[in-house]
Amino acid sequence: MSSGYVLIDVEPGSEYGVFEQASALPFVSDAQVLFGDHDMILKIEAESMGEIARLVVESVRSIKGVTNTKTLACAEL
């Protein structure tokens, strides 16, 4: 099992809608709204980092209001 965190920037005023949609995705195990450089963070769990990348591109980035994402891969030691 692989894990990653996705930092998300959204259009002003769309935070609540993006949070509701993103946190409901079945592969998201945690979602938090942030203050600071990014608007929210998601923890994603999947079978591989390739799967995480696919989920971010196909599901997270397609949410209306998302303007930018940055995915951080967790090290598998």
PDB file of N, CA and C in Angstrom:
ATOM      1  N   MET A   1       0.848  -1.175   0.000  1.00  0.00           N
ATOM      2  CA  MET A   1       0.000   0.000   0.000  1.00  0.00           C
ATOM      3  C   MET A   1       0.894   1.238   0.000  1.00  0.00           C
ATOM      4  N   SER A   2       0.570   2.199  -0.852  1.00  0.00           N
ATOM      5  CA  SER A   2       1.305   3.460  -0.945  1.00  0.00           C
ATOM      6  C   SER A   2       0.439   4.593  -0.421  1.00  0.00           C
ATOM      7  N   SER A   3       1.104   5.610   0.105  1.00  0.00           N
ATOM      8  CA  SER A   3       0.412   6.800   0.604  1.00  0.00           C
ATOM      9  C   SER A   3       1.047   8.043   0.018  1.00  0.00           C
ATOM     10  N   GLY A   4       0.237   9.055  -0.131  1.00  0.00           N
ATOM     11  CA  GLY A   4       0.731  10.342  -0.596  1.00  0.00           C
ATOM     12  C   GLY A   4      -0.160  11.446  -0.062  1.00  0.00           C
ATOM     13  N   TYR A   5       0.387  12.632  -0.016  1.00  0.00           N
ATOM     14  CA  TYR A   5      -0.369  13.812   0.399  1.00  0.00           C
ATOM     15  C   TYR A   5      -0.478  14.744  -0.793  1.00  0.00           C
ATOM     16  N   VAL A   6      -1.645  15.336  -0.965  1.00  0.00           N
ATOM     17  CA  VAL A   6      -1.865  16.254  -2.071  1.00  0.00           C
ATOM     18  C   VAL A   6      -2.223  17.614  -1.506  1.00  0.00           C
ATOM     19  N   LEU A   7      -1.382  18.614  -1.793  1.00  0.00           N
ATOM     20  CA  LEU A   7      -1.661  19.997  -1.436  1.00  0.00           C
ATOM     21  C   LEU A   7      -2.488  20.591  -2.570  1.00  0.00           C
ATOM     22  N   ILE A   8      -3.574  21.256  -2.224  1.00  0.00           N
ATOM     23  CA  ILE A   8      -4.507  21.752  -3.235  1.00  0.00           C
ATOM     24  C   ILE A   8      -4.720  23.250  -3.074  1.00  0.00           C
ATOM     25  N   ASP A   9      -4.703  23.951  -4.205  1.00  0.00           N
ATOM     26  CA  ASP A   9      -5.084  25.355  -4.267  1.00  0.00           C
ATOM     27  C   ASP A   9      -6.419  25.421  -4.991  1.00  0.00           C
ATOM     28  N   VAL A  10      -7.300  26.308  -4.520  1.00  0.00           N
ATOM     29  CA  VAL A  10      -8.631  26.412  -5.126  1.00  0.00           C
ATOM     30  C   VAL A  10      -8.972  27.863  -5.428  1.00  0.00           C
ATOM     31  N   GLU A  11      -9.975  28.039  -6.277  1.00  0.00           N
ATOM     32  CA  GLU A  11     -10.471  29.379  -6.571  1.00  0.00           C
ATOM     33  C   GLU A  11     -11.091  29.965  -5.307  1.00  0.00           C
ATOM     34  N   PRO A  12     -10.894  31.252  -5.071  1.00  0.00           N
ATOM     35  CA  PRO A  12     -11.500  31.875  -3.888  1.00  0.00           C
ATOM     36  C   PRO A  12     -13.011  31.655  -3.854  1.00  0.00           C
ATOM     37  N   GLY A  13     -13.497  31.272  -2.697  1.00  0.00           N
ATOM     38  CA  GLY A  13     -14.917  31.042  -2.509  1.00  0.00           C
ATOM     39  C   GLY A  13     -15.375  29.631  -2.804  1.00  0.00           C
ATOM     40  N   SER A  14     -14.489  28.787  -3.333  1.00  0.00           N
ATOM     41  CA  SER A  14     -14.893  27.419  -3.672  1.00  0.00           C
ATOM     42  C   SER A  14     -14.350  26.392  -2.672  1.00  0.00           C
ATOM     43  N   GLU A  15     -13.791  26.856  -1.581  1.00  0.00           N
ATOM     44  CA  GLU A  15     -13.166  25.946  -0.614  1.00  0.00           C
ATOM     45  C   GLU A  15     -14.132  24.880  -0.092  1.00  0.00           C
ATOM     46  N   TYR A  16     -15.322  25.301   0.296  1.00  0.00           N
ATOM     47  CA  TYR A  16     -16.263  24.353   0.895  1.00  0.00           C
ATOM     48  C   TYR A  16     -16.675  23.278  -0.113  1.00  0.00           C
ATOM     49  N   GLY A  17     -17.025  23.680  -1.328  1.00  0.00           N
ATOM     50  CA  GLY A  17     -17.444  22.721  -2.350  1.00  0.00           C
ATOM     51  C   GLY A  17     -16.347  21.745  -2.725  1.00  0.00           C
ATOM     52  N   VAL A  18     -15.129  22.255  -2.893  1.00  0.00           N
ATOM     53  CA  VAL A  18     -14.003  21.379  -3.229  1.00  0.00           C
ATOM     54  C   VAL A  18     -13.731  20.418  -2.077  1.00  0.00           C
ATOM     55  N   PHE A  19     -13.768  20.924  -0.850  1.00  0.00           N
ATOM     56  CA  PHE A  19     -13.532  20.065   0.313  1.00  0.00           C
ATOM     57  C   PHE A  19     -14.568  18.949   0.385  1.00  0.00           C
ATOM     58  N   GLU A  20     -15.833  19.272   0.189  1.00  0.00           N
ATOM     59  CA  GLU A  20     -16.898  18.271   0.253  1.00  0.00           C
ATOM     60  C   GLU A  20     -16.694  17.172  -0.796  1.00  0.00           C
ATOM     61  N   GLN A  21     -16.361  17.566  -2.027  1.00  0.00           N
ATOM     62  CA  GLN A  21     -16.172  16.585  -3.088  1.00  0.00           C
ATOM     63  C   GLN A  21     -14.907  15.755  -2.877  1.00  0.00           C
ATOM     64  N   ALA A  22     -13.812  16.424  -2.528  1.00  0.00           N
ATOM     65  CA  ALA A  22     -12.532  15.731  -2.369  1.00  0.00           C
ATOM     66  C   ALA A  22     -12.567  14.761  -1.191  1.00  0.00           C
ATOM     67  N   SER A  23     -13.124  15.181  -0.078  1.00  0.00           N
ATOM     68  CA  SER A  23     -13.136  14.318   1.106  1.00  0.00           C
ATOM     69  C   SER A  23     -14.054  13.113   0.928  1.00  0.00           C
ATOM     70  N   ALA A  24     -14.982  13.163  -0.030  1.00  0.00           N
ATOM     71  CA  ALA A  24     -15.894  12.048  -0.284  1.00  0.00           C
ATOM     72  C   ALA A  24     -15.297  11.002  -1.226  1.00  0.00           C
ATOM     73  N   LEU A  25     -14.170  11.289  -1.838  1.00  0.00           N
ATOM     74  CA  LEU A  25     -13.543  10.327  -2.743  1.00  0.00           C
ATOM     75  C   LEU A  25     -13.124   9.082  -1.949  1.00  0.00           C
ATOM     76  N   PRO A  26     -13.358   7.883  -2.473  1.00  0.00           N
ATOM     77  CA  PRO A  26     -13.132   6.656  -1.693  1.00  0.00           C
ATOM     78  C   PRO A  26     -11.676   6.385  -1.331  1.00  0.00           C
ATOM     79  N   PHE A  27     -10.741   6.946  -2.062  1.00  0.00           N
ATOM     80  CA  PHE A  27      -9.322   6.709  -1.796  1.00  0.00           C
ATOM     81  C   PHE A  27      -8.710   7.759  -0.879  1.00  0.00           C
ATOM     82  N   VAL A  28      -9.484   8.746  -0.453  1.00  0.00           N
ATOM     83  CA  VAL A  28      -9.001   9.804   0.446  1.00  0.00           C
ATOM     84  C   VAL A  28      -9.252   9.354   1.883  1.00  0.00           C
ATOM     85  N   SER A  29      -8.175   9.207   2.658  1.00  0.00           N
ATOM     86  CA  SER A  29      -8.322   8.749   4.044  1.00  0.00           C
ATOM     87  C   SER A  29      -8.356   9.900   5.043  1.00  0.00           C
ATOM     88  N   ASP A  30      -7.964  11.102   4.620  1.00  0.00           N
ATOM     89  CA  ASP A  30      -8.037  12.278   5.491  1.00  0.00           C
ATOM     90  C   ASP A  30      -8.042  13.516   4.606  1.00  0.00           C
ATOM     91  N   ALA A  31      -8.772  14.526   5.020  1.00  0.00           N
ATOM     92  CA  ALA A  31      -8.833  15.796   4.290  1.00  0.00           C
ATOM     93  C   ALA A  31      -8.935  16.928   5.305  1.00  0.00           C
ATOM     94  N   GLN A  32      -8.157  17.975   5.093  1.00  0.00           N
ATOM     95  CA  GLN A  32      -8.141  19.115   6.000  1.00  0.00           C
ATOM     96  C   GLN A  32      -8.061  20.413   5.199  1.00  0.00           C
ATOM     97  N   VAL A  33      -8.797  21.434   5.646  1.00  0.00           N
ATOM     98  CA  VAL A  33      -8.667  22.773   5.087  1.00  0.00           C
ATOM     99  C   VAL A  33      -7.498  23.433   5.791  1.00  0.00           C
ATOM    100  N   LEU A  34      -6.699  24.177   5.037  1.00  0.00           N
ATOM    101  CA  LEU A  34      -5.487  24.797   5.573  1.00  0.00           C
ATOM    102  C   LEU A  34      -5.555  26.316   5.504  1.00  0.00           C
ATOM    103  N   PHE A  35      -4.771  26.965   6.339  1.00  0.00           N
ATOM    104  CA  PHE A  35      -4.476  28.389   6.231  1.00  0.00           C
ATOM    105  C   PHE A  35      -3.010  28.480   5.852  1.00  0.00           C
ATOM    106  N   GLY A  36      -2.679  29.329   4.904  1.00  0.00           N
ATOM    107  CA  GLY A  36      -1.277  29.465   4.504  1.00  0.00           C
ATOM    108  C   GLY A  36      -1.117  29.388   3.008  1.00  0.00           C
ATOM    109  N   ASP A  37      -0.037  28.748   2.575  1.00  0.00           N
ATOM    110  CA  ASP A  37       0.311  28.715   1.156  1.00  0.00           C
ATOM    111  C   ASP A  37      -0.653  27.882   0.305  1.00  0.00           C
ATOM    112  N   HIS A  38      -1.318  26.904   0.901  1.00  0.00           N
ATOM    113  CA  HIS A  38      -2.247  26.042   0.170  1.00  0.00           C
ATOM    114  C   HIS A  38      -3.580  26.042   0.897  1.00  0.00           C
ATOM    115  N   ASP A  39      -4.638  25.641   0.183  1.00  0.00           N
ATOM    116  CA  ASP A  39      -5.979  25.716   0.742  1.00  0.00           C
ATOM    117  C   ASP A  39      -6.441  24.438   1.435  1.00  0.00           C
ATOM    118  N   MET A  40      -5.941  23.295   0.992  1.00  0.00           N
ATOM    119  CA  MET A  40      -6.295  22.049   1.667  1.00  0.00           C
ATOM    120  C   MET A  40      -5.264  20.970   1.379  1.00  0.00           C
ATOM    121  N   ILE A  41      -5.356  19.906   2.172  1.00  0.00           N
ATOM    122  CA  ILE A  41      -4.459  18.767   2.018  1.00  0.00           C
ATOM    123  C   ILE A  41      -5.290  17.500   2.112  1.00  0.00           C
ATOM    124  N   LEU A  42      -4.958  16.543   1.243  1.00  0.00           N
ATOM    125  CA  LEU A  42      -5.597  15.235   1.253  1.00  0.00           C
ATOM    126  C   LEU A  42      -4.548  14.167   1.496  1.00  0.00           C
ATOM    127  N   LYS A  43      -4.915  13.138   2.227  1.00  0.00           N
ATOM    128  CA  LYS A  43      -4.080  11.940   2.315  1.00  0.00           C
ATOM    129  C   LYS A  43      -4.743  10.895   1.446  1.00  0.00           C
ATOM    130  N   ILE A  44      -3.964  10.356   0.497  1.00  0.00           N
ATOM    131  CA  ILE A  44      -4.467   9.369  -0.448  1.00  0.00           C
ATOM    132  C   ILE A  44      -3.735   8.055  -0.232  1.00  0.00           C
ATOM    133  N   GLU A  45      -4.489   6.957  -0.262  1.00  0.00           N
ATOM    134  CA  GLU A  45      -3.903   5.632  -0.148  1.00  0.00           C
ATOM    135  C   GLU A  45      -4.344   4.798  -1.352  1.00  0.00           C
ATOM    136  N   ALA A  46      -3.380   4.103  -1.956  1.00  0.00           N
ATOM    137  CA  ALA A  46      -3.660   3.261  -3.123  1.00  0.00           C
ATOM    138  C   ALA A  46      -2.605   2.166  -3.196  1.00  0.00           C
ATOM    139  N   GLU A  47      -2.737   1.290  -4.167  1.00  0.00           N
ATOM    140  CA  GLU A  47      -1.827   0.155  -4.310  1.00  0.00           C
ATOM    141  C   GLU A  47      -0.407   0.549  -4.699  1.00  0.00           C
ATOM    142  N   SER A  48      -0.253   1.664  -5.421  1.00  0.00           N
ATOM    143  CA  SER A  48       1.072   2.076  -5.889  1.00  0.00           C
ATOM    144  C   SER A  48       1.108   3.591  -6.072  1.00  0.00           C
ATOM    145  N   MET A  49       2.318   4.130  -6.215  1.00  0.00           N
ATOM    146  CA  MET A  49       2.445   5.558  -6.485  1.00  0.00           C
ATOM    147  C   MET A  49       1.884   5.892  -7.864  1.00  0.00           C
ATOM    148  N   GLY A  50       1.988   4.979  -8.808  1.00  0.00           N
ATOM    149  CA  GLY A  50       1.398   5.192 -10.117  1.00  0.00           C
ATOM    150  C   GLY A  50      -0.113   5.342 -10.035  1.00  0.00           C
ATOM    151  N   GLU A  51      -0.723   4.544  -9.191  1.00  0.00           N
ATOM    152  CA  GLU A  51      -2.169   4.631  -8.984  1.00  0.00           C
ATOM    153  C   GLU A  51      -2.540   5.951  -8.322  1.00  0.00           C
ATOM    154  N   ILE A  52      -1.738   6.387  -7.363  1.00  0.00           N
ATOM    155  CA  ILE A  52      -1.984   7.681  -6.726  1.00  0.00           C
ATOM    156  C   ILE A  52      -1.912   8.799  -7.761  1.00  0.00           C
ATOM    157  N   ALA A  53      -0.901   8.758  -8.605  1.00  0.00           N
ATOM    158  CA  ALA A  53      -0.763   9.781  -9.648  1.00  0.00           C
ATOM    159  C   ALA A  53      -1.993   9.784 -10.551  1.00  0.00           C
ATOM    160  N   ARG A  54      -2.447   8.616 -10.954  1.00  0.00           N
ATOM    161  CA  ARG A  54      -3.633   8.519 -11.814  1.00  0.00           C
ATOM    162  C   ARG A  54      -4.868   9.084 -11.122  1.00  0.00           C
ATOM    163  N   LEU A  55      -5.052   8.759  -9.846  1.00  0.00           N
ATOM    164  CA  LEU A  55      -6.210   9.245  -9.096  1.00  0.00           C
ATOM    165  C   LEU A  55      -6.193  10.767  -8.967  1.00  0.00           C
ATOM    166  N   VAL A  56      -5.009  11.333  -8.731  1.00  0.00           N
ATOM    167  CA  VAL A  56      -4.910  12.788  -8.625  1.00  0.00           C
ATOM    168  C   VAL A  56      -5.288  13.437  -9.947  1.00  0.00           C
ATOM    169  N   VAL A  57      -4.712  12.953 -11.033  1.00  0.00           N
ATOM    170  CA  VAL A  57      -4.977  13.547 -12.349  1.00  0.00           C
ATOM    171  C   VAL A  57      -6.437  13.373 -12.748  1.00  0.00           C
ATOM    172  N   GLU A  58      -6.977  12.175 -12.599  1.00  0.00           N
ATOM    173  CA  GLU A  58      -8.323  11.894 -13.087  1.00  0.00           C
ATOM    174  C   GLU A  58      -9.439  12.351 -12.150  1.00  0.00           C
ATOM    175  N   SER A  59      -9.204  12.334 -10.848  1.00  0.00           N
ATOM    176  CA  SER A  59     -10.289  12.621  -9.907  1.00  0.00           C
ATOM    177  C   SER A  59     -10.136  13.945  -9.161  1.00  0.00           C
ATOM    178  N   VAL A  60      -8.975  14.204  -8.610  1.00  0.00           N
ATOM    179  CA  VAL A  60      -8.806  15.407  -7.800  1.00  0.00           C
ATOM    180  C   VAL A  60      -8.728  16.650  -8.680  1.00  0.00           C
ATOM    181  N   ARG A  61      -7.894  16.626  -9.704  1.00  0.00           N
ATOM    182  CA  ARG A  61      -7.740  17.803 -10.563  1.00  0.00           C
ATOM    183  C   ARG A  61      -8.991  18.134 -11.355  1.00  0.00           C
ATOM    184  N   SER A  62      -9.891  17.180 -11.500  1.00  0.00           N
ATOM    185  CA  SER A  62     -11.114  17.426 -12.267  1.00  0.00           C
ATOM    186  C   SER A  62     -12.223  18.070 -11.434  1.00  0.00           C
ATOM    187  N   ILE A  63     -12.018  18.232 -10.138  1.00  0.00           N
ATOM    188  CA  ILE A  63     -13.017  18.880  -9.287  1.00  0.00           C
ATOM    189  C   ILE A  63     -13.075  20.363  -9.648  1.00  0.00           C
ATOM    190  N   LYS A  64     -14.277  20.843  -9.913  1.00  0.00           N
ATOM    191  CA  LYS A  64     -14.456  22.258 -10.268  1.00  0.00           C
ATOM    192  C   LYS A  64     -13.990  23.140  -9.113  1.00  0.00           C
ATOM    193  N   GLY A  65     -13.114  24.086  -9.422  1.00  0.00           N
ATOM    194  CA  GLY A  65     -12.573  24.993  -8.424  1.00  0.00           C
ATOM    195  C   GLY A  65     -11.124  24.718  -8.075  1.00  0.00           C
ATOM    196  N   VAL A  66     -10.621  23.520  -8.387  1.00  0.00           N
ATOM    197  CA  VAL A  66      -9.215  23.202  -8.132  1.00  0.00           C
ATOM    198  C   VAL A  66      -8.364  23.914  -9.180  1.00  0.00           C
ATOM    199  N   THR A  67      -7.375  24.683  -8.711  1.00  0.00           N
ATOM    200  CA  THR A  67      -6.513  25.414  -9.639  1.00  0.00           C
ATOM    201  C   THR A  67      -5.110  24.837  -9.730  1.00  0.00           C
ATOM    202  N   ASN A  68      -4.661  24.148  -8.682  1.00  0.00           N
ATOM    203  CA  ASN A  68      -3.300  23.607  -8.677  1.00  0.00           C
ATOM    204  C   ASN A  68      -3.207  22.498  -7.637  1.00  0.00           C
ATOM    205  N   THR A  69      -2.367  21.496  -7.922  1.00  0.00           N
ATOM    206  CA  THR A  69      -2.095  20.443  -6.943  1.00  0.00           C
ATOM    207  C   THR A  69      -0.607  20.181  -6.876  1.00  0.00           C
ATOM    208  N   LYS A  70      -0.162  19.722  -5.733  1.00  0.00           N
ATOM    209  CA  LYS A  70       1.220  19.267  -5.547  1.00  0.00           C
ATOM    210  C   LYS A  70       1.145  17.968  -4.761  1.00  0.00           C
ATOM    211  N   THR A  71       1.640  16.881  -5.349  1.00  0.00           N
ATOM    212  CA  THR A  71       1.579  15.585  -4.704  1.00  0.00           C
ATOM    213  C   THR A  71       2.912  15.247  -4.061  1.00  0.00           C
ATOM    214  N   LEU A  72       2.861  14.845  -2.801  1.00  0.00           N
ATOM    215  CA  LEU A  72       4.044  14.456  -2.039  1.00  0.00           C
ATOM    216  C   LEU A  72       3.952  12.961  -1.766  1.00  0.00           C
ATOM    217  N   ALA A  73       4.901  12.206  -2.261  1.00  0.00           N
ATOM    218  CA  ALA A  73       4.908  10.762  -2.087  1.00  0.00           C
ATOM    219  C   ALA A  73       5.549  10.404  -0.751  1.00  0.00           C
ATOM    220  N   CYS A  74       4.917   9.502  -0.017  1.00  0.00           N
ATOM    221  CA  CYS A  74       5.497   9.021   1.231  1.00  0.00           C
ATOM    222  C   CYS A  74       6.547   7.970   0.914  1.00  0.00           C
ATOM    223  N   ALA A  75       7.657   8.020   1.626  1.00  0.00           N
ATOM    224  CA  ALA A  75       8.739   7.069   1.426  1.00  0.00           C
ATOM    225  C   ALA A  75       8.325   5.698   1.937  1.00  0.00           C
ATOM    226  N   GLU A  76       8.660   4.681   1.174  1.00  0.00           N
ATOM    227  CA  GLU A  76       8.379   3.312   1.578  1.00  0.00           C
ATOM    228  C   GLU A  76       9.699   2.673   1.983  1.00  0.00           C
ATOM    229  N   LEU A  77       9.994   2.685   3.289  1.00  0.00           N
ATOM    230  CA  LEU A  77      11.259   2.168   3.799  1.00  0.00           C
ATOM    231  C   LEU A  77      11.147   0.715   4.197  1.00  0.00           C
TER     232      LEU A  77
END
